[in-house]
Amino acid sequence: MKYRAKHDIKSGAKLKIKKQKTTSYGILKSNEIVTVIDTFHFPTRFEVEDKNGKNWVIYTHDFEEINEE
């Protein structure tokens, strides 16, 4: 079995937000399901889209992966 790091998460993957994230442009609530749009590195962070179509940037400690198997 290959080790899978968080930066291996592909676009289109679903993630569950662990803790509410408050920014200058709104609030991303905990337990909300978001979709990965893009991944950035150093530090690893993800551009995601919420159910309302709003884009957010989150870090690896902000979410849990959802197993879609």
PDB file of N, CA and C in Angstrom:
ATOM      1  N   MET A   1       0.842  -1.188   0.000  1.00  0.00           N
ATOM      2  CA  MET A   1       0.000   0.000   0.000  1.00  0.00           C
ATOM      3  C   MET A   1       0.882   1.245   0.000  1.00  0.00           C
ATOM      4  N   LYS A   2       0.614   2.153  -0.911  1.00  0.00           N
ATOM      5  CA  LYS A   2       1.378   3.391  -1.017  1.00  0.00           C
ATOM      6  C   LYS A   2       0.893   4.390   0.030  1.00  0.00           C
ATOM      7  N   TYR A   3       1.841   5.066   0.646  1.00  0.00           N
ATOM      8  CA  TYR A   3       1.498   6.139   1.577  1.00  0.00           C
ATOM      9  C   TYR A   3       0.832   7.259   0.799  1.00  0.00           C
ATOM     10  N   ARG A   4      -0.247   7.789   1.331  1.00  0.00           N
ATOM     11  CA  ARG A   4      -0.984   8.866   0.660  1.00  0.00           C
ATOM     12  C   ARG A   4      -0.956  10.101   1.543  1.00  0.00           C
ATOM     13  N   ALA A   5      -0.303  11.136   1.063  1.00  0.00           N
ATOM     14  CA  ALA A   5      -0.212  12.391   1.807  1.00  0.00           C
ATOM     15  C   ALA A   5      -1.371  13.300   1.434  1.00  0.00           C
ATOM     16  N   LYS A   6      -1.616  14.319   2.245  1.00  0.00           N
ATOM     17  CA  LYS A   6      -2.726  15.231   1.959  1.00  0.00           C
ATOM     18  C   LYS A   6      -2.520  15.996   0.662  1.00  0.00           C
ATOM     19  N   HIS A   7      -1.263  16.245   0.266  1.00  0.00           N
ATOM     20  CA  HIS A   7      -1.060  16.971  -0.993  1.00  0.00           C
ATOM     21  C   HIS A   7      -1.350  16.093  -2.208  1.00  0.00           C
ATOM     22  N   ASP A   8      -1.665  14.806  -1.998  1.00  0.00           N
ATOM     23  CA  ASP A   8      -2.058  13.901  -3.083  1.00  0.00           C
ATOM     24  C   ASP A   8      -3.559  13.968  -3.388  1.00  0.00           C
ATOM     25  N   ILE A   9      -4.307  14.758  -2.645  1.00  0.00           N
ATOM     26  CA  ILE A   9      -5.749  14.883  -2.861  1.00  0.00           C
ATOM     27  C   ILE A   9      -5.992  15.552  -4.210  1.00  0.00           C
ATOM     28  N   LYS A  10      -6.839  14.955  -5.008  1.00  0.00           N
ATOM     29  CA  LYS A  10      -7.094  15.425  -6.378  1.00  0.00           C
ATOM     30  C   LYS A  10      -8.248  16.424  -6.439  1.00  0.00           C
ATOM     31  N   SER A  11      -8.282  17.202  -7.502  1.00  0.00           N
ATOM     32  CA  SER A  11      -9.401  18.114  -7.755  1.00  0.00           C
ATOM     33  C   SER A  11     -10.684  17.298  -7.858  1.00  0.00           C
ATOM     34  N   GLY A  12     -11.765  17.832  -7.323  1.00  0.00           N
ATOM     35  CA  GLY A  12     -13.052  17.143  -7.343  1.00  0.00           C
ATOM     36  C   GLY A  12     -13.324  16.333  -6.091  1.00  0.00           C
ATOM     37  N   ALA A  13     -12.304  16.123  -5.248  1.00  0.00           N
ATOM     38  CA  ALA A  13     -12.487  15.368  -4.007  1.00  0.00           C
ATOM     39  C   ALA A  13     -13.361  16.160  -3.041  1.00  0.00           C
ATOM     40  N   LYS A  14     -14.116  15.453  -2.215  1.00  0.00           N
ATOM     41  CA  LYS A  14     -14.976  16.077  -1.212  1.00  0.00           C
ATOM     42  C   LYS A  14     -14.258  16.066   0.134  1.00  0.00           C
ATOM     43  N   LEU A  15     -14.327  17.196   0.841  1.00  0.00           N
ATOM     44  CA  LEU A  15     -13.712  17.343   2.152  1.00  0.00           C
ATOM     45  C   LEU A  15     -14.744  17.868   3.140  1.00  0.00           C
ATOM     46  N   LYS A  16     -14.573  17.514   4.412  1.00  0.00           N
ATOM     47  CA  LYS A  16     -15.469  17.987   5.474  1.00  0.00           C
ATOM     48  C   LYS A  16     -14.671  18.939   6.362  1.00  0.00           C
ATOM     49  N   ILE A  17     -15.176  20.147   6.537  1.00  0.00           N
ATOM     50  CA  ILE A  17     -14.507  21.160   7.352  1.00  0.00           C
ATOM     51  C   ILE A  17     -14.608  20.771   8.830  1.00  0.00           C
ATOM     52  N   LYS A  18     -13.454  20.772   9.536  1.00  0.00           N
ATOM     53  CA  LYS A  18     -13.417  20.366  10.949  1.00  0.00           C
ATOM     54  C   LYS A  18     -13.854  21.479  11.904  1.00  0.00           C
ATOM     55  N   LYS A  19     -13.406  22.697  11.635  1.00  0.00           N
ATOM     56  CA  LYS A  19     -13.633  23.811  12.554  1.00  0.00           C
ATOM     57  C   LYS A  19     -14.021  25.037  11.744  1.00  0.00           C
ATOM     58  N   GLN A  20     -14.969  25.798  12.262  1.00  0.00           N
ATOM     59  CA  GLN A  20     -15.419  27.006  11.570  1.00  0.00           C
ATOM     60  C   GLN A  20     -14.230  27.888  11.213  1.00  0.00           C
ATOM     61  N   LYS A  21     -14.242  28.419   9.998  1.00  0.00           N
ATOM     62  CA  LYS A  21     -13.166  29.283   9.514  1.00  0.00           C
ATOM     63  C   LYS A  21     -13.763  30.657   9.212  1.00  0.00           C
ATOM     64  N   THR A  22     -13.309  31.667   9.916  1.00  0.00           N
ATOM     65  CA  THR A  22     -13.806  33.024   9.744  1.00  0.00           C
ATOM     66  C   THR A  22     -12.758  33.846   8.997  1.00  0.00           C
ATOM     67  N   THR A  23     -13.178  34.482   7.924  1.00  0.00           N
ATOM     68  CA  THR A  23     -12.275  35.324   7.132  1.00  0.00           C
ATOM     69  C   THR A  23     -12.944  36.677   6.896  1.00  0.00           C
ATOM     70  N   SER A  24     -12.234  37.559   6.224  1.00  0.00           N
ATOM     71  CA  SER A  24     -12.779  38.888   5.940  1.00  0.00           C
ATOM     72  C   SER A  24     -13.938  38.824   4.947  1.00  0.00           C
ATOM     73  N   TYR A  25     -14.075  37.728   4.210  1.00  0.00           N
ATOM     74  CA  TYR A  25     -15.149  37.621   3.212  1.00  0.00           C
ATOM     75  C   TYR A  25     -16.232  36.624   3.591  1.00  0.00           C
ATOM     76  N   GLY A  26     -16.248  36.167   4.847  1.00  0.00           N
ATOM     77  CA  GLY A  26     -17.339  35.319   5.292  1.00  0.00           C
ATOM     78  C   GLY A  26     -16.933  34.242   6.281  1.00  0.00           C
ATOM     79  N   ILE A  27     -17.858  33.317   6.519  1.00  0.00           N
ATOM     80  CA  ILE A  27     -17.651  32.231   7.469  1.00  0.00           C
ATOM     81  C   ILE A  27     -17.910  30.903   6.767  1.00  0.00           C
ATOM     82  N   LEU A  28     -16.940  30.004   6.866  1.00  0.00           N
ATOM     83  CA  LEU A  28     -17.083  28.642   6.375  1.00  0.00           C
ATOM     84  C   LEU A  28     -17.351  27.785   7.604  1.00  0.00           C
ATOM     85  N   LYS A  29     -18.559  27.251   7.707  1.00  0.00           N
ATOM     86  CA  LYS A  29     -18.989  26.561   8.928  1.00  0.00           C
ATOM     87  C   LYS A  29     -18.414  25.162   9.057  1.00  0.00           C
ATOM     88  N   SER A  30     -18.269  24.722  10.306  1.00  0.00           N
ATOM     89  CA  SER A  30     -17.783  23.371  10.562  1.00  0.00           C
ATOM     90  C   SER A  30     -18.798  22.355  10.049  1.00  0.00           C
ATOM     91  N   ASN A  31     -18.313  21.190   9.685  1.00  0.00           N
ATOM     92  CA  ASN A  31     -19.094  20.077   9.132  1.00  0.00           C
ATOM     93  C   ASN A  31     -19.624  20.336   7.728  1.00  0.00           C
ATOM     94  N   GLU A  32     -19.292  21.464   7.129  1.00  0.00           N
ATOM     95  CA  GLU A  32     -19.718  21.724   5.749  1.00  0.00           C
ATOM     96  C   GLU A  32     -18.861  20.897   4.793  1.00  0.00           C
ATOM     97  N   ILE A  33     -19.483  20.406   3.727  1.00  0.00           N
ATOM     98  CA  ILE A  33     -18.793  19.623   2.717  1.00  0.00           C
ATOM     99  C   ILE A  33     -18.389  20.568   1.580  1.00  0.00           C
ATOM    100  N   VAL A  34     -17.112  20.515   1.206  1.00  0.00           N
ATOM    101  CA  VAL A  34     -16.585  21.361   0.134  1.00  0.00           C
ATOM    102  C   VAL A  34     -15.916  20.481  -0.923  1.00  0.00           C
ATOM    103  N   THR A  35     -15.706  21.048  -2.101  1.00  0.00           N
ATOM    104  CA  THR A  35     -15.086  20.333  -3.216  1.00  0.00           C
ATOM    105  C   THR A  35     -13.748  20.987  -3.562  1.00  0.00           C
ATOM    106  N   VAL A  36     -12.704  20.177  -3.728  1.00  0.00           N
ATOM    107  CA  VAL A  36     -11.373  20.690  -4.055  1.00  0.00           C
ATOM    108  C   VAL A  36     -11.350  21.176  -5.505  1.00  0.00           C
ATOM    109  N   ILE A  37     -10.837  22.389  -5.708  1.00  0.00           N
ATOM    110  CA  ILE A  37     -10.661  22.957  -7.035  1.00  0.00           C
ATOM    111  C   ILE A  37      -9.193  22.870  -7.441  1.00  0.00           C
ATOM    112  N   ASP A  38      -8.289  23.242  -6.514  1.00  0.00           N
ATOM    113  CA  ASP A  38      -6.864  23.267  -6.830  1.00  0.00           C
ATOM    114  C   ASP A  38      -6.056  23.075  -5.555  1.00  0.00           C
ATOM    115  N   THR A  39      -4.797  22.651  -5.709  1.00  0.00           N
ATOM    116  CA  THR A  39      -3.880  22.452  -4.586  1.00  0.00           C
ATOM    117  C   THR A  39      -2.651  23.320  -4.805  1.00  0.00           C
ATOM    118  N   PHE A  40      -2.209  23.990  -3.742  1.00  0.00           N
ATOM    119  CA  PHE A  40      -1.006  24.817  -3.777  1.00  0.00           C
ATOM    120  C   PHE A  40      -0.003  24.233  -2.787  1.00  0.00           C
ATOM    121  N   HIS A  41       1.274  24.496  -2.982  1.00  0.00           N
ATOM    122  CA  HIS A  41       2.296  23.906  -2.128  1.00  0.00           C
ATOM    123  C   HIS A  41       3.169  24.965  -1.459  1.00  0.00           C
ATOM    124  N   PHE A  42       3.768  24.537  -0.342  1.00  0.00           N
ATOM    125  CA  PHE A  42       4.730  25.311   0.454  1.00  0.00           C
ATOM    126  C   PHE A  42       4.146  26.596   1.013  1.00  0.00           C
ATOM    127  N   PRO A  43       3.288  26.561   1.988  1.00  0.00           N
ATOM    128  CA  PRO A  43       2.713  25.384   2.630  1.00  0.00           C
ATOM    129  C   PRO A  43       1.545  24.830   1.809  1.00  0.00           C
ATOM    130  N   THR A  44       1.239  23.564   2.026  1.00  0.00           N
ATOM    131  CA  THR A  44       0.133  22.941   1.292  1.00  0.00           C
ATOM    132  C   THR A  44      -1.173  23.566   1.728  1.00  0.00           C
ATOM    133  N   ARG A  45      -1.943  24.030   0.751  1.00  0.00           N
ATOM    134  CA  ARG A  45      -3.271  24.590   0.999  1.00  0.00           C
ATOM    135  C   ARG A  45      -4.137  24.273  -0.206  1.00  0.00           C
ATOM    136  N   PHE A  46      -5.428  24.371  -0.015  1.00  0.00           N
ATOM    137  CA  PHE A  46      -6.372  23.943  -1.034  1.00  0.00           C
ATOM    138  C   PHE A  46      -7.362  25.046  -1.329  1.00  0.00           C
ATOM    139  N   GLU A  47      -7.644  25.256  -2.603  1.00  0.00           N
ATOM    140  CA  GLU A  47      -8.753  26.124  -2.994  1.00  0.00           C
ATOM    141  C   GLU A  47      -9.948  25.200  -3.117  1.00  0.00           C
ATOM    142  N   VAL A  48     -11.014  25.523  -2.390  1.00  0.00           N
ATOM    143  CA  VAL A  48     -12.210  24.683  -2.386  1.00  0.00           C
ATOM    144  C   VAL A  48     -13.436  25.535  -2.678  1.00  0.00           C
ATOM    145  N   GLU A  49     -14.525  24.861  -3.035  1.00  0.00           N
ATOM    146  CA  GLU A  49     -15.785  25.540  -3.318  1.00  0.00           C
ATOM    147  C   GLU A  49     -16.851  24.968  -2.390  1.00  0.00           C
ATOM    148  N   ASP A  50     -17.640  25.855  -1.765  1.00  0.00           N
ATOM    149  CA  ASP A  50     -18.714  25.389  -0.885  1.00  0.00           C
ATOM    150  C   ASP A  50     -20.001  25.174  -1.681  1.00  0.00           C
ATOM    151  N   LYS A  51     -21.066  24.794  -0.997  1.00  0.00           N
ATOM    152  CA  LYS A  51     -22.334  24.484  -1.671  1.00  0.00           C
ATOM    153  C   LYS A  51     -22.975  25.699  -2.344  1.00  0.00           C
ATOM    154  N   ASN A  52     -22.551  26.904  -1.942  1.00  0.00           N
ATOM    155  CA  ASN A  52     -23.101  28.132  -2.532  1.00  0.00           C
ATOM    156  C   ASN A  52     -22.261  28.650  -3.689  1.00  0.00           C
ATOM    157  N   GLY A  53     -21.192  27.921  -4.040  1.00  0.00           N
ATOM    158  CA  GLY A  53     -20.332  28.333  -5.138  1.00  0.00           C
ATOM    159  C   GLY A  53     -19.249  29.325  -4.754  1.00  0.00           C
ATOM    160  N   LYS A  54     -19.082  29.563  -3.451  1.00  0.00           N
ATOM    161  CA  LYS A  54     -18.068  30.496  -2.973  1.00  0.00           C
ATOM    162  C   LYS A  54     -16.740  29.753  -2.801  1.00  0.00           C
ATOM    163  N   ASN A  55     -15.645  30.379  -3.232  1.00  0.00           N
ATOM    164  CA  ASN A  55     -14.321  29.762  -3.119  1.00  0.00           C
ATOM    165  C   ASN A  55     -13.630  30.167  -1.828  1.00  0.00           C
ATOM    166  N   TRP A  56     -12.878  29.218  -1.253  1.00  0.00           N
ATOM    167  CA  TRP A  56     -12.153  29.405  -0.003  1.00  0.00           C
ATOM    168  C   TRP A  56     -10.762  28.807  -0.143  1.00  0.00           C
ATOM    169  N   VAL A  57      -9.826  29.285   0.644  1.00  0.00           N
ATOM    170  CA  VAL A  57      -8.511  28.661   0.742  1.00  0.00           C
ATOM    171  C   VAL A  57      -8.406  28.083   2.145  1.00  0.00           C
ATOM    172  N   ILE A  58      -8.137  26.762   2.223  1.00  0.00           N
ATOM    173  CA  ILE A  58      -8.022  26.095   3.511  1.00  0.00           C
ATOM    174  C   ILE A  58      -6.684  25.361   3.594  1.00  0.00           C
ATOM    175  N   TYR A  59      -6.261  25.082   4.814  1.00  0.00           N
ATOM    176  CA  TYR A  59      -5.002  24.387   5.070  1.00  0.00           C
ATOM    177  C   TYR A  59      -5.276  22.929   5.443  1.00  0.00           C
ATOM    178  N   THR A  60      -4.223  22.137   5.503  1.00  0.00           N
ATOM    179  CA  THR A  60      -4.366  20.705   5.758  1.00  0.00           C
ATOM    180  C   THR A  60      -5.014  20.407   7.109  1.00  0.00           C
ATOM    181  N   HIS A  61      -4.879  21.282   8.089  1.00  0.00           N
ATOM    182  CA  HIS A  61      -5.467  21.043   9.410  1.00  0.00           C
ATOM    183  C   HIS A  61      -6.935  21.489   9.501  1.00  0.00           C
ATOM    184  N   ASP A  62      -7.479  22.053   8.431  1.00  0.00           N
ATOM    185  CA  ASP A  62      -8.851  22.575   8.444  1.00  0.00           C
ATOM    186  C   ASP A  62      -9.909  21.541   8.059  1.00  0.00           C
ATOM    187  N   PHE A  63      -9.514  20.359   7.577  1.00  0.00           N
ATOM    188  CA  PHE A  63     -10.508  19.427   7.031  1.00  0.00           C
ATOM    189  C   PHE A  63     -10.201  17.977   7.331  1.00  0.00           C
ATOM    190  N   GLU A  64     -11.199  17.141   7.080  1.00  0.00           N
ATOM    191  CA  GLU A  64     -11.074  15.683   7.091  1.00  0.00           C
ATOM    192  C   GLU A  64     -11.454  15.204   5.699  1.00  0.00           C
ATOM    193  N   GLU A  65     -10.789  14.169   5.231  1.00  0.00           N
ATOM    194  CA  GLU A  65     -11.153  13.585   3.943  1.00  0.00           C
ATOM    195  C   GLU A  65     -12.427  12.764   4.097  1.00  0.00           C
ATOM    196  N   ILE A  66     -13.247  12.750   3.064  1.00  0.00           N
ATOM    197  CA  ILE A  66     -14.441  11.923   3.028  1.00  0.00           C
ATOM    198  C   ILE A  66     -14.130  10.737   2.136  1.00  0.00           C
ATOM    199  N   ASN A  67     -14.300   9.540   2.659  1.00  0.00           N
ATOM    200  CA  ASN A  67     -14.041   8.332   1.894  1.00  0.00           C
ATOM    201  C   ASN A  67     -15.218   8.065   0.979  1.00  0.00           C
ATOM    202  N   GLU A  68     -15.013   8.198  -0.328  1.00  0.00           N
ATOM    203  CA  GLU A  68     -16.104   8.046  -1.300  1.00  0.00           C
ATOM    204  C   GLU A  68     -16.133   6.670  -1.946  1.00  0.00           C
ATOM    205  N   GLU A  69     -15.491   5.684  -1.337  1.00  0.00           N
ATOM    206  CA  GLU A  69     -15.460   4.342  -1.925  1.00  0.00           C
ATOM    207  C   GLU A  69     -16.707   3.566  -1.646  1.00  0.00           C
TER     208      GLU A  69
END
